[in-house]
C-alpha atoms as a PDB file:
ATOM      1  CA  UNK A   1    -118.149   7.027-219.965  1.00  0.00           C
ATOM      2  CA  UNK A   2    -118.166   8.611-216.860  1.00  0.00           C
ATOM      3  CA  UNK A   3    -121.702   8.942-216.553  1.00  0.00           C
ATOM      4  CA  UNK A   4    -122.132   4.584-217.205  1.00  0.00           C
ATOM      5  CA  UNK A   5    -119.385   4.251-214.907  1.00  0.00           C
ATOM      6  CA  UNK A   6    -121.019   6.270-211.888  1.00  0.00           C
ATOM      7  CA  UNK A   7    -124.338   4.516-212.523  1.00  0.00           C
ATOM      8  CA  UNK A   8    -122.419   1.104-212.356  1.00  0.00           C
ATOM      9  CA  UNK A   9    -121.017   2.144-208.964  1.00  0.00           C
ATOM     10  CA  UNK A  10    -124.500   3.334-207.511  1.00  0.00           C
ATOM     11  CA  UNK A  11    -125.928   0.319-208.825  1.00  0.00           C
ATOM     12  CA  UNK A  12    -123.224  -1.819-207.543  1.00  0.00           C
ATOM     13  CA  UNK A  13    -123.197  -0.850-204.088  1.00  0.00           C
ATOM     14  CA  UNK A  14    -126.751  -0.524-203.336  1.00  0.00           C
ATOM     15  CA  UNK A  15    -126.823  -4.440-204.589  1.00  0.00           C
ATOM     16  CA  UNK A  16    -124.217  -4.840-201.876  1.00  0.00           C
ATOM     17  CA  UNK A  17    -126.051  -2.695-199.239  1.00  0.00           C
ATOM     18  CA  UNK A  18    -128.990  -4.703-199.713  1.00  0.00           C
ATOM     19  CA  UNK A  19    -127.238  -8.128-199.379  1.00  0.00           C
ATOM     20  CA  UNK A  20    -125.466  -6.428-196.278  1.00  0.00           C
ATOM     21  CA  UNK A  21    -128.377  -5.613-194.482  1.00  0.00           C
ATOM     22  CA  UNK A  22    -130.058  -9.124-195.583  1.00  0.00           C
ATOM     23  CA  UNK A  23    -127.453 -10.930-193.673  1.00  0.00           C
ATOM     24  CA  UNK A  24    -127.640  -8.424-190.565  1.00  0.00           C
ATOM     25  CA  UNK A  25    -131.227  -8.977-190.451  1.00  0.00           C
ATOM     26  CA  UNK A  26    -130.850 -12.979-190.738  1.00  0.00           C
ATOM     27  CA  UNK A  27    -127.878 -12.956-188.034  1.00  0.00           C
ATOM     28  CA  UNK A  28    -130.376 -10.764-185.701  1.00  0.00           C
ATOM     29  CA  UNK A  29    -133.607 -13.310-185.693  1.00  0.00           C
ATOM     30  CA  UNK A  30    -133.636 -15.149-182.471  1.00  0.00           C
ATOM     31  CA  UNK A  31    -132.533 -18.907-182.416  1.00  0.00           C
ATOM     32  CA  UNK A  32    -134.857 -21.366-182.206  1.00  0.00           C
ATOM     33  CA  UNK A  33    -134.996 -23.148-178.469  1.00  0.00           C
ATOM     34  CA  UNK A  34    -135.752 -26.314-177.541  1.00  0.00           C
ATOM     35  CA  UNK A  35    -138.709 -26.611-174.920  1.00  0.00           C
ATOM     36  CA  UNK A  36    -137.154 -26.864-171.983  1.00  0.00           C
ATOM     37  CA  UNK A  37    -137.876 -30.403-170.113  1.00  0.00           C
ATOM     38  CA  UNK A  38    -139.489 -30.146-166.606  1.00  0.00           C
ATOM     39  CA  UNK A  39    -137.462 -30.487-164.349  1.00  0.00           C
ATOM     40  CA  UNK A  40    -138.839 -31.130-160.693  1.00  0.00           C
ATOM     41  CA  UNK A  41    -136.610 -31.583-157.149  1.00  0.00           C
ATOM     42  CA  UNK A  42    -136.094 -34.767-155.199  1.00  0.00           C
ATOM     43  CA  UNK A  43    -134.714 -34.577-151.978  1.00  0.00           C
ATOM     44  CA  UNK A  44    -133.569 -37.734-150.603  1.00  0.00           C
ATOM     45  CA  UNK A  45    -133.570 -39.328-146.943  1.00  0.00           C
ATOM     46  CA  UNK A  46    -134.135 -36.113-145.753  1.00  0.00           C
ATOM     47  CA  UNK A  47    -134.088 -36.887-141.583  1.00  0.00           C
ATOM     48  CA  UNK A  48    -135.168 -35.264-138.539  1.00  0.00           C
ATOM     49  CA  UNK A  49    -135.036 -36.784-134.468  1.00  0.00           C
ATOM     50  CA  UNK A  50    -138.186 -38.150-133.258  1.00  0.00           C
ATOM     51  CA  UNK A  51    -139.454 -38.580-130.070  1.00  0.00           C
ATOM     52  CA  UNK A  52    -141.649 -41.338-131.650  1.00  0.00           C
ATOM     53  CA  UNK A  53    -139.700 -43.531-133.631  1.00  0.00           C
ATOM     54  CA  UNK A  54    -137.996 -46.501-132.045  1.00  0.00           C
ATOM     55  CA  UNK A  55    -134.257 -45.345-133.663  1.00  0.00           C
ATOM     56  CA  UNK A  56    -135.239 -41.771-132.786  1.00  0.00           C
ATOM     57  CA  UNK A  57    -134.521 -41.070-136.608  1.00  0.00           C
ATOM     58  CA  UNK A  58    -137.138 -39.643-138.652  1.00  0.00           C
ATOM     59  CA  UNK A  59    -136.480 -40.290-142.808  1.00  0.00           C
ATOM     60  CA  UNK A  60    -138.836 -39.051-145.717  1.00  0.00           C
ATOM     61  CA  UNK A  61    -138.058 -38.273-149.404  1.00  0.00           C
ATOM     62  CA  UNK A  62    -139.721 -35.115-150.985  1.00  0.00           C
ATOM     63  CA  UNK A  63    -141.251 -33.990-154.335  1.00  0.00           C
ATOM     64  CA  UNK A  64    -140.934 -30.405-155.173  1.00  0.00           C
ATOM     65  CA  UNK A  65    -142.152 -28.245-158.072  1.00  0.00           C
ATOM     66  CA  UNK A  66    -139.202 -27.508-160.015  1.00  0.00           C
ATOM     67  CA  UNK A  67    -139.785 -23.430-159.248  1.00  0.00           C
ATOM     68  CA  UNK A  68    -140.924 -24.043-155.196  1.00  0.00           C
ATOM     69  CA  UNK A  69    -137.783 -22.171-153.986  1.00  0.00           C
ATOM     70  CA  UNK A  70    -138.293 -18.775-156.072  1.00  0.00           C
ATOM     71  CA  UNK A  71    -142.178 -18.928-157.167  1.00  0.00           C
ATOM     72  CA  UNK A  72    -143.169 -17.550-153.597  1.00  0.00           C
ATOM     73  CA  UNK A  73    -146.055 -20.109-153.967  1.00  0.00           C
ATOM     74  CA  UNK A  74    -147.245 -22.879-151.799  1.00  0.00           C
ATOM     75  CA  UNK A  75    -148.598 -26.352-153.079  1.00  0.00           C
ATOM     76  CA  UNK A  76    -150.584 -28.830-152.833  1.00  0.00           C
ATOM     77  CA  UNK A  77    -149.365 -32.108-150.533  1.00  0.00           C
ATOM     78  CA  UNK A  78    -149.716 -35.788-151.270  1.00  0.00           C
ATOM     79  CA  UNK A  79    -148.766 -37.770-148.468  1.00  0.00           C
ATOM     80  CA  UNK A  80    -147.560 -41.256-150.666  1.00  0.00           C
ATOM     81  CA  UNK A  81    -146.928 -44.529-148.329  1.00  0.00           C
ATOM     82  CA  UNK A  82    -145.026 -47.328-149.580  1.00  0.00           C
ATOM     83  CA  UNK A  83    -146.181 -51.428-148.652  1.00  0.00           C
ATOM     84  CA  UNK A  84    -144.615 -53.351-146.303  1.00  0.00           C
ATOM     85  CA  UNK A  85    -140.168 -54.301-146.499  1.00  0.00           C
ATOM     86  CA  UNK A  86    -140.322 -51.306-148.741  1.00  0.00           C
ATOM     87  CA  UNK A  87    -139.068 -47.924-147.385  1.00  0.00           C
ATOM     88  CA  UNK A  88    -139.286 -44.046-147.784  1.00  0.00           C
ATOM     89  CA  UNK A  89    -137.121 -44.537-150.873  1.00  0.00           C
ATOM     90  CA  UNK A  90    -139.406 -47.606-152.758  1.00  0.00           C
ATOM     91  CA  UNK A  91    -141.900 -45.267-154.817  1.00  0.00           C
ATOM     92  CA  UNK A  92    -139.027 -43.258-156.537  1.00  0.00           C
ATOM     93  CA  UNK A  93    -136.360 -45.833-156.756  1.00  0.00           C
ATOM     94  CA  UNK A  94    -139.221 -48.479-157.911  1.00  0.00           C
ATOM     95  CA  UNK A  95    -142.183 -46.654-158.562  1.00  0.00           C
ATOM     96  CA  UNK A  96    -140.469 -43.631-160.630  1.00  0.00           C
ATOM     97  CA  UNK A  97    -142.424 -41.124-159.379  1.00  0.00           C
ATOM     98  CA  UNK A  98    -140.409 -38.044-160.202  1.00  0.00           C
ATOM     99  CA  UNK A  99    -140.173 -39.437-163.810  1.00  0.00           C
ATOM    100  CA  UNK A 100    -143.770 -39.655-164.186  1.00  0.00           C
ATOM    101  CA  UNK A 101    -144.717 -36.698-162.206  1.00  0.00           C
ATOM    102  CA  UNK A 102    -142.690 -34.422-164.205  1.00  0.00           C
ATOM    103  CA  UNK A 103    -144.378 -35.991-167.403  1.00  0.00           C
ATOM    104  CA  UNK A 104    -147.721 -35.043-166.341  1.00  0.00           C
ATOM    105  CA  UNK A 105    -147.075 -31.776-165.555  1.00  0.00           C
ATOM    106  CA  UNK A 106    -145.251 -31.242-168.374  1.00  0.00           C
ATOM    107  CA  UNK A 107    -147.990 -32.468-170.337  1.00  0.00           C
ATOM    108  CA  UNK A 108    -150.193 -30.258-168.591  1.00  0.00           C
ATOM    109  CA  UNK A 109    -152.357 -33.388-166.673  1.00  0.00           C
ATOM    110  CA  UNK A 110    -151.776 -31.905-163.517  1.00  0.00           C
ATOM    111  CA  UNK A 111    -150.204 -28.826-161.627  1.00  0.00           C
ATOM    112  CA  UNK A 112    -147.572 -28.824-159.702  1.00  0.00           C
ATOM    113  CA  UNK A 113    -147.812 -30.173-156.566  1.00  0.00           C
ATOM    114  CA  UNK A 114    -145.510 -31.482-153.533  1.00  0.00           C
ATOM    115  CA  UNK A 115    -144.778 -35.436-152.830  1.00  0.00           C
ATOM    116  CA  UNK A 116    -144.018 -36.497-149.140  1.00  0.00           C
ATOM    117  CA  UNK A 117    -142.907 -40.344-149.045  1.00  0.00           C
ATOM    118  CA  UNK A 118    -142.310 -41.178-145.507  1.00  0.00           C
ATOM    119  CA  UNK A 119    -141.070 -44.398-143.856  1.00  0.00           C
ATOM    120  CA  UNK A 120    -143.160 -46.113-142.276  1.00  0.00           C
ATOM    121  CA  UNK A 121    -141.225 -48.946-140.618  1.00  0.00           C
ATOM    122  CA  UNK A 122    -143.615 -51.941-141.604  1.00  0.00           C
ATOM    123  CA  UNK A 123    -146.028 -50.658-138.566  1.00  0.00           C
ATOM    124  CA  UNK A 124    -149.041 -50.248-140.986  1.00  0.00           C
ATOM    125  CA  UNK A 125    -148.890 -46.287-139.960  1.00  0.00           C
ATOM    126  CA  UNK A 126    -150.526 -46.898-136.675  1.00  0.00           C
ATOM    127  CA  UNK A 127    -149.690 -46.633-133.062  1.00  0.00           C
ATOM    128  CA  UNK A 128    -148.167 -49.817-131.557  1.00  0.00           C
ATOM    129  CA  UNK A 129    -149.155 -52.064-134.498  1.00  0.00           C
ATOM    130  CA  UNK A 130    -146.259 -55.412-134.464  1.00  0.00           C
ATOM    131  CA  UNK A 131    -144.126 -55.310-137.279  1.00  0.00           C
ATOM    132  CA  UNK A 132    -143.809 -57.542-140.379  1.00  0.00           C
ATOM    133  CA  UNK A 133    -140.192 -58.057-139.817  1.00  0.00           C
ATOM    134  CA  UNK A 134    -139.985 -58.145-136.179  1.00  0.00           C
ATOM    135  CA  UNK A 135    -137.093 -55.709-136.158  1.00  0.00           C
ATOM    136  CA  UNK A 136    -138.983 -52.941-134.940  1.00  0.00           C
ATOM    137  CA  UNK A 137    -140.793 -52.342-132.187  1.00  0.00           C
ATOM    138  CA  UNK A 138    -142.363 -49.704-130.321  1.00  0.00           C
ATOM    139  CA  UNK A 139    -143.024 -47.313-133.197  1.00  0.00           C
ATOM    140  CA  UNK A 140    -145.828 -45.005-132.513  1.00  0.00           C
ATOM    141  CA  UNK A 141    -146.326 -43.979-136.092  1.00  0.00           C
ATOM    142  CA  UNK A 142    -149.488 -42.275-135.929  1.00  0.00           C
ATOM    143  CA  UNK A 143    -147.979 -40.111-133.424  1.00  0.00           C
ATOM    144  CA  UNK A 144    -144.989 -39.394-135.401  1.00  0.00           C
ATOM    145  CA  UNK A 145    -147.407 -37.956-138.223  1.00  0.00           C
ATOM    146  CA  UNK A 146    -149.502 -35.712-136.374  1.00  0.00           C
ATOM    147  CA  UNK A 147    -147.056 -34.303-133.609  1.00  0.00           C
ATOM    148  CA  UNK A 148    -144.154 -34.330-136.182  1.00  0.00           C
ATOM    149  CA  UNK A 149    -143.977 -35.134-139.436  1.00  0.00           C
ATOM    150  CA  UNK A 150    -146.829 -32.819-140.251  1.00  0.00           C
ATOM    151  CA  UNK A 151    -145.834 -30.098-138.530  1.00  0.00           C
ATOM    152  CA  UNK A 152    -142.268 -30.523-139.925  1.00  0.00           C
ATOM    153  CA  UNK A 153    -143.225 -30.407-143.283  1.00  0.00           C
ATOM    154  CA  UNK A 154    -145.891 -27.482-143.608  1.00  0.00           C
ATOM    155  CA  UNK A 155    -143.258 -25.615-140.942  1.00  0.00           C
ATOM    156  CA  UNK A 156    -139.996 -26.068-143.598  1.00  0.00           C
ATOM    157  CA  UNK A 157    -141.958 -26.707-146.936  1.00  0.00           C
ATOM    158  CA  UNK A 158    -143.943 -24.507-149.388  1.00  0.00           C
ATOM    159  CA  UNK A 159    -147.621 -26.803-148.671  1.00  0.00           C
ATOM    160  CA  UNK A 160    -150.820 -25.137-148.795  1.00  0.00           C
ATOM    161  CA  UNK A 161    -152.960 -26.263-145.691  1.00  0.00           C
ATOM    162  CA  UNK A 162    -156.512 -27.544-145.697  1.00  0.00           C
ATOM    163  CA  UNK A 163    -158.250 -30.980-146.603  1.00  0.00           C
ATOM    164  CA  UNK A 164    -158.926 -29.528-150.392  1.00  0.00           C
ATOM    165  CA  UNK A 165    -155.130 -28.997-150.496  1.00  0.00           C
ATOM    166  CA  UNK A 166    -154.062 -32.235-149.169  1.00  0.00           C
ATOM    167  CA  UNK A 167    -154.350 -36.106-150.449  1.00  0.00           C
ATOM    168  CA  UNK A 168    -153.355 -39.619-149.145  1.00  0.00           C
ATOM    169  CA  UNK A 169    -152.525 -42.296-151.229  1.00  0.00           C
ATOM    170  CA  UNK A 170    -150.304 -45.832-151.133  1.00  0.00           C
ATOM    171  CA  UNK A 171    -149.799 -49.462-151.979  1.00  0.00           C
ATOM    172  CA  UNK A 172    -150.325 -52.397-150.185  1.00  0.00           C
ATOM    173  CA  UNK A 173    -149.553 -51.814-146.597  1.00  0.00           C
ATOM    174  CA  UNK A 174    -149.641 -47.719-148.010  1.00  0.00           C
ATOM    175  CA  UNK A 175    -152.589 -48.124-149.548  1.00  0.00           C
ATOM    176  CA  UNK A 176    -154.126 -49.656-145.852  1.00  0.00           C
ATOM    177  CA  UNK A 177    -152.556 -46.359-144.116  1.00  0.00           C
ATOM    178  CA  UNK A 178    -154.211 -44.041-146.657  1.00  0.00           C
ATOM    179  CA  UNK A 179    -157.231 -45.306-146.110  1.00  0.00           C
ATOM    180  CA  UNK A 180    -156.761 -45.191-142.690  1.00  0.00           C
ATOM    181  CA  UNK A 181    -156.011 -41.599-142.103  1.00  0.00           C
ATOM    182  CA  UNK A 182    -158.818 -40.793-144.843  1.00  0.00           C
ATOM    183  CA  UNK A 183    -161.337 -42.174-142.658  1.00  0.00           C
ATOM    184  CA  UNK A 184    -160.078 -41.360-139.703  1.00  0.00           C
ATOM    185  CA  UNK A 185    -159.457 -37.905-140.124  1.00  0.00           C
ATOM    186  CA  UNK A 186    -161.950 -37.119-142.796  1.00  0.00           C
ATOM    187  CA  UNK A 187    -161.243 -32.977-141.967  1.00  0.00           C
ATOM    188  CA  UNK A 188    -157.538 -33.252-142.862  1.00  0.00           C
ATOM    189  CA  UNK A 189    -157.899 -35.151-146.109  1.00  0.00           C
ATOM    190  CA  UNK A 190    -160.018 -34.693-149.055  1.00  0.00           C
ATOM    191  CA  UNK A 191    -158.714 -37.464-151.597  1.00  0.00           C
ATOM    192  CA  UNK A 192    -158.169 -41.209-150.954  1.00  0.00           C
ATOM    193  CA  UNK A 193    -156.327 -43.575-153.189  1.00  0.00           C
ATOM    194  CA  UNK A 194    -155.738 -47.083-152.416  1.00  0.00           C
ATOM    195  CA  UNK A 195    -153.567 -49.485-154.441  1.00  0.00           C
ATOM    196  CA  UNK A 196    -154.237 -53.541-153.744  1.00  0.00           C
ATOM    197  CA  UNK A 197    -154.447 -52.260-150.501  1.00  0.00           C
ATOM    198  CA  UNK A 198    -153.791 -54.567-146.963  1.00  0.00           C
ATOM    199  CA  UNK A 199    -157.504 -53.680-146.449  1.00  0.00           C
ATOM    200  CA  UNK A 200    -158.795 -56.492-144.296  1.00  0.00           C
ATOM    201  CA  UNK A 201    -157.540 -59.114-142.061  1.00  0.00           C
ATOM    202  CA  UNK A 202    -153.958 -58.054-140.739  1.00  0.00           C
ATOM    203  CA  UNK A 203    -154.347 -60.483-138.121  1.00  0.00           C
ATOM    204  CA  UNK A 204    -152.143 -62.630-140.339  1.00  0.00           C
ATOM    205  CA  UNK A 205    -149.366 -60.463-139.788  1.00  0.00           C
ATOM    206  CA  UNK A 206    -149.985 -60.691-136.233  1.00  0.00           C
ATOM    207  CA  UNK A 207    -151.442 -56.885-136.627  1.00  0.00           C
ATOM    208  CA  UNK A 208    -154.937 -57.959-134.295  1.00  0.00           C
ATOM    209  CA  UNK A 209    -154.744 -53.551-133.657  1.00  0.00           C
ATOM    210  CA  UNK A 210    -155.087 -52.735-137.107  1.00  0.00           C
ATOM    211  CA  UNK A 211    -158.645 -52.233-137.465  1.00  0.00           C
ATOM    212  CA  UNK A 212    -160.776 -52.388-140.752  1.00  0.00           C
ATOM    213  CA  UNK A 213    -162.777 -49.985-142.631  1.00  0.00           C
ATOM    214  CA  UNK A 214    -165.924 -51.926-141.749  1.00  0.00           C
ATOM    215  CA  UNK A 215    -164.364 -51.483-137.870  1.00  0.00           C
ATOM    216  CA  UNK A 216    -163.657 -47.549-139.027  1.00  0.00           C
ATOM    217  CA  UNK A 217    -167.024 -46.749-140.349  1.00  0.00           C
ATOM    218  CA  UNK A 218    -168.491 -48.372-137.101  1.00  0.00           C
ATOM    219  CA  UNK A 219    -166.588 -46.671-134.605  1.00  0.00           C
ATOM    220  CA  UNK A 220    -166.866 -43.105-136.111  1.00  0.00           C
ATOM    221  CA  UNK A 221    -170.830 -43.528-136.747  1.00  0.00           C
ATOM    222  CA  UNK A 222    -170.620 -42.555-140.367  1.00  0.00           C
ATOM    223  CA  UNK A 223    -173.874 -43.104-142.120  1.00  0.00           C
ATOM    224  CA  UNK A 224    -175.562 -41.403-144.747  1.00  0.00           C
ATOM    225  CA  UNK A 225    -175.868 -38.080-143.115  1.00  0.00           C
ATOM    226  CA  UNK A 226    -172.177 -37.925-142.783  1.00  0.00           C
ATOM    227  CA  UNK A 227    -170.694 -38.970-146.492  1.00  0.00           C
ATOM    228  CA  UNK A 228    -170.554 -35.224-147.827  1.00  0.00           C
ATOM    229  CA  UNK A 229    -167.760 -34.674-145.209  1.00  0.00           C
ATOM    230  CA  UNK A 230    -165.818 -37.866-145.796  1.00  0.00           C
ATOM    231  CA  UNK A 231    -162.966 -37.655-148.660  1.00  0.00           C
ATOM    232  CA  UNK A 232    -163.352 -39.329-151.754  1.00  0.00           C
ATOM    233  CA  UNK A 233    -162.162 -42.460-152.461  1.00  0.00           C
ATOM    234  CA  UNK A 234    -160.189 -44.626-154.947  1.00  0.00           C
ATOM    235  CA  UNK A 235    -159.876 -48.067-154.643  1.00  0.00           C
ATOM    236  CA  UNK A 236    -157.812 -50.055-157.057  1.00  0.00           C
ATOM    237  CA  UNK A 237    -156.494 -53.465-157.365  1.00  0.00           C
ATOM    238  CA  UNK A 238    -154.937 -56.065-159.946  1.00  0.00           C
ATOM    239  CA  UNK A 239    -157.372 -58.628-161.750  1.00  0.00           C
ATOM    240  CA  UNK A 240    -154.468 -61.538-160.677  1.00  0.00           C
ATOM    241  CA  UNK A 241    -153.473 -60.072-157.170  1.00  0.00           C
ATOM    242  CA  UNK A 242    -153.335 -63.087-154.707  1.00  0.00           C
ATOM    243  CA  UNK A 243    -152.531 -61.654-152.303  1.00  0.00           C
ATOM    244  CA  UNK A 244    -154.871 -58.279-151.556  1.00  0.00           C
ATOM    245  CA  UNK A 245    -157.504 -59.022-154.359  1.00  0.00           C
ATOM    246  CA  UNK A 246    -160.093 -60.703-151.477  1.00  0.00           C
ATOM    247  CA  UNK A 247    -159.562 -58.435-149.197  1.00  0.00           C
ATOM    248  CA  UNK A 248    -160.232 -55.165-151.506  1.00  0.00           C
ATOM    249  CA  UNK A 249    -163.276 -56.966-153.088  1.00  0.00           C
ATOM    250  CA  UNK A 250    -164.891 -57.602-149.509  1.00  0.00           C
ATOM    251  CA  UNK A 251    -164.664 -54.193-148.602  1.00  0.00           C
ATOM    252  CA  UNK A 252    -166.257 -52.778-152.050  1.00  0.00           C
ATOM    253  CA  UNK A 253    -169.062 -54.861-151.493  1.00  0.00           C
ATOM    254  CA  UNK A 254    -169.136 -53.104-147.967  1.00  0.00           C
ATOM    255  CA  UNK A 255    -168.913 -49.834-149.077  1.00  0.00           C
ATOM    256  CA  UNK A 256    -171.749 -51.101-151.291  1.00  0.00           C
ATOM    257  CA  UNK A 257    -173.977 -52.235-149.041  1.00  0.00           C
ATOM    258  CA  UNK A 258    -173.361 -48.911-146.813  1.00  0.00           C
ATOM    259  CA  UNK A 259    -174.235 -46.999-149.863  1.00  0.00           C
ATOM    260  CA  UNK A 260    -170.933 -45.089-149.198  1.00  0.00           C
ATOM    261  CA  UNK A 261    -170.000 -43.708-153.119  1.00  0.00           C
ATOM    262  CA  UNK A 262    -166.601 -44.594-153.889  1.00  0.00           C
ATOM    263  CA  UNK A 263    -164.686 -46.131-157.126  1.00  0.00           C
ATOM    264  CA  UNK A 264    -163.456 -49.417-157.333  1.00  0.00           C
ATOM    265  CA  UNK A 265    -161.286 -50.506-160.230  1.00  0.00           C
ATOM    266  CA  UNK A 266    -160.729 -53.730-161.316  1.00  0.00           C
ATOM    267  CA  UNK A 267    -157.157 -53.645-163.774  1.00  0.00           C
ATOM    268  CA  UNK A 268    -155.403 -56.452-164.848  1.00  0.00           C
ATOM    269  CA  UNK A 269    -152.188 -56.864-162.974  1.00  0.00           C
ATOM    270  CA  UNK A 270    -150.624 -58.153-159.749  1.00  0.00           C
ATOM    271  CA  UNK A 271    -149.239 -56.649-156.428  1.00  0.00           C
ATOM    272  CA  UNK A 272    -146.000 -55.898-157.972  1.00  0.00           C
ATOM    273  CA  UNK A 273    -144.278 -52.335-159.075  1.00  0.00           C
ATOM    274  CA  UNK A 274    -145.764 -52.946-162.759  1.00  0.00           C
ATOM    275  CA  UNK A 275    -148.966 -52.543-161.372  1.00  0.00           C
ATOM    276  CA  UNK A 276    -148.402 -49.563-158.930  1.00  0.00           C
ATOM    277  CA  UNK A 277    -146.763 -47.691-161.230  1.00  0.00           C
ATOM    278  CA  UNK A 278    -149.524 -47.446-163.865  1.00  0.00           C
ATOM    279  CA  UNK A 279    -151.862 -46.958-160.202  1.00  0.00           C
ATOM    280  CA  UNK A 280    -150.107 -43.608-159.540  1.00  0.00           C
ATOM    281  CA  UNK A 281    -150.298 -42.877-163.682  1.00  0.00           C
ATOM    282  CA  UNK A 282    -154.120 -43.480-163.436  1.00  0.00           C
ATOM    283  CA  UNK A 283    -154.102 -41.684-159.925  1.00  0.00           C
ATOM    284  CA  UNK A 284    -152.824 -37.956-161.132  1.00  0.00           C
ATOM    285  CA  UNK A 285    -155.968 -36.708-163.636  1.00  0.00           C
ATOM    286  CA  UNK A 286    -158.352 -37.487-160.114  1.00  0.00           C
ATOM    287  CA  UNK A 287    -155.779 -36.229-157.861  1.00  0.00           C
ATOM    288  CA  UNK A 288    -155.566 -32.701-160.372  1.00  0.00           C
ATOM    289  CA  UNK A 289    -158.887 -32.570-160.229  1.00  0.00           C
ATOM    290  CA  UNK A 290    -159.278 -32.666-156.464  1.00  0.00           C
ATOM    291  CA  UNK A 291    -156.653 -30.291-156.018  1.00  0.00           C
ATOM    292  CA  UNK A 292    -158.206 -27.820-158.818  1.00  0.00           C
ATOM    293  CA  UNK A 293    -161.932 -28.470-157.807  1.00  0.00           C
ATOM    294  CA  UNK A 294    -162.510 -26.315-154.923  1.00  0.00           C
ATOM    295  CA  UNK A 295    -162.220 -22.972-154.078  1.00  0.00           C
ATOM    296  CA  UNK A 296    -158.810 -22.739-152.599  1.00  0.00           C
ATOM    297  CA  UNK A 297    -158.422 -21.035-148.855  1.00  0.00           C
ATOM    298  CA  UNK A 298    -156.099 -19.169-147.302  1.00  0.00           C
ATOM    299  CA  UNK A 299    -153.590 -20.745-145.225  1.00  0.00           C
ATOM    300  CA  UNK A 300    -153.902 -19.997-141.737  1.00  0.00           C
END
């Protein structure tokens, strides 16, 4: 009887020990954690004093990668320009740039980059152009960009320098601004994406000072021997865009006539934010190719 009791107790305590170990192992198993959402930083209505803008205050929004403050990295930069009657808030408020860009980064479509969205004051992004709403005059936006905005961005934010790390894009008036800067300063921009660009006949707004792309090519003396030094150009316009379609078509024909390699996309849509949001999404894989296609140079 004593031997049977001892045998039973040994079996019992052995079972309890195995059960306890199983509970311990189960309790120590790491909990499954849902993948973390990519969450960037959007700084809104950033301001500094300007000597070139009428009200002396420069304003911009800036999109920054999630880890920009702690990564120690520098990032490529896109200057994203808005259209007439909008301002620096439009591309995020109406174009959902933060949401779309976060999603593209999370899905691996493009690596993290910085987006600068400045206030263009309806002045077509050049010096001395008459503004559409008549409320702002005397804005020397081109001087402001080169002598204040871009130095400010490069001083206070972790952006990479060099044309291979710098792109410009925009809608409507901003599409014109993108083309203007890319082709007047080809050593500073490597990629240009214009969306429904107000790229011709700006005299209808009283802006006779605003040069067309054809005029820029003529004034700069661009020809086939120089094309390799010019930025990659992608133009996109809606098939039902009654405002900009004709100007984009004529500019496309001009570029074909001088044999300048470019891409012109005719896409369903009009002259509105539904179209521009789609354009921005279509741009991102091409922008990723530009930011990644060349060997990155060290910042000076």
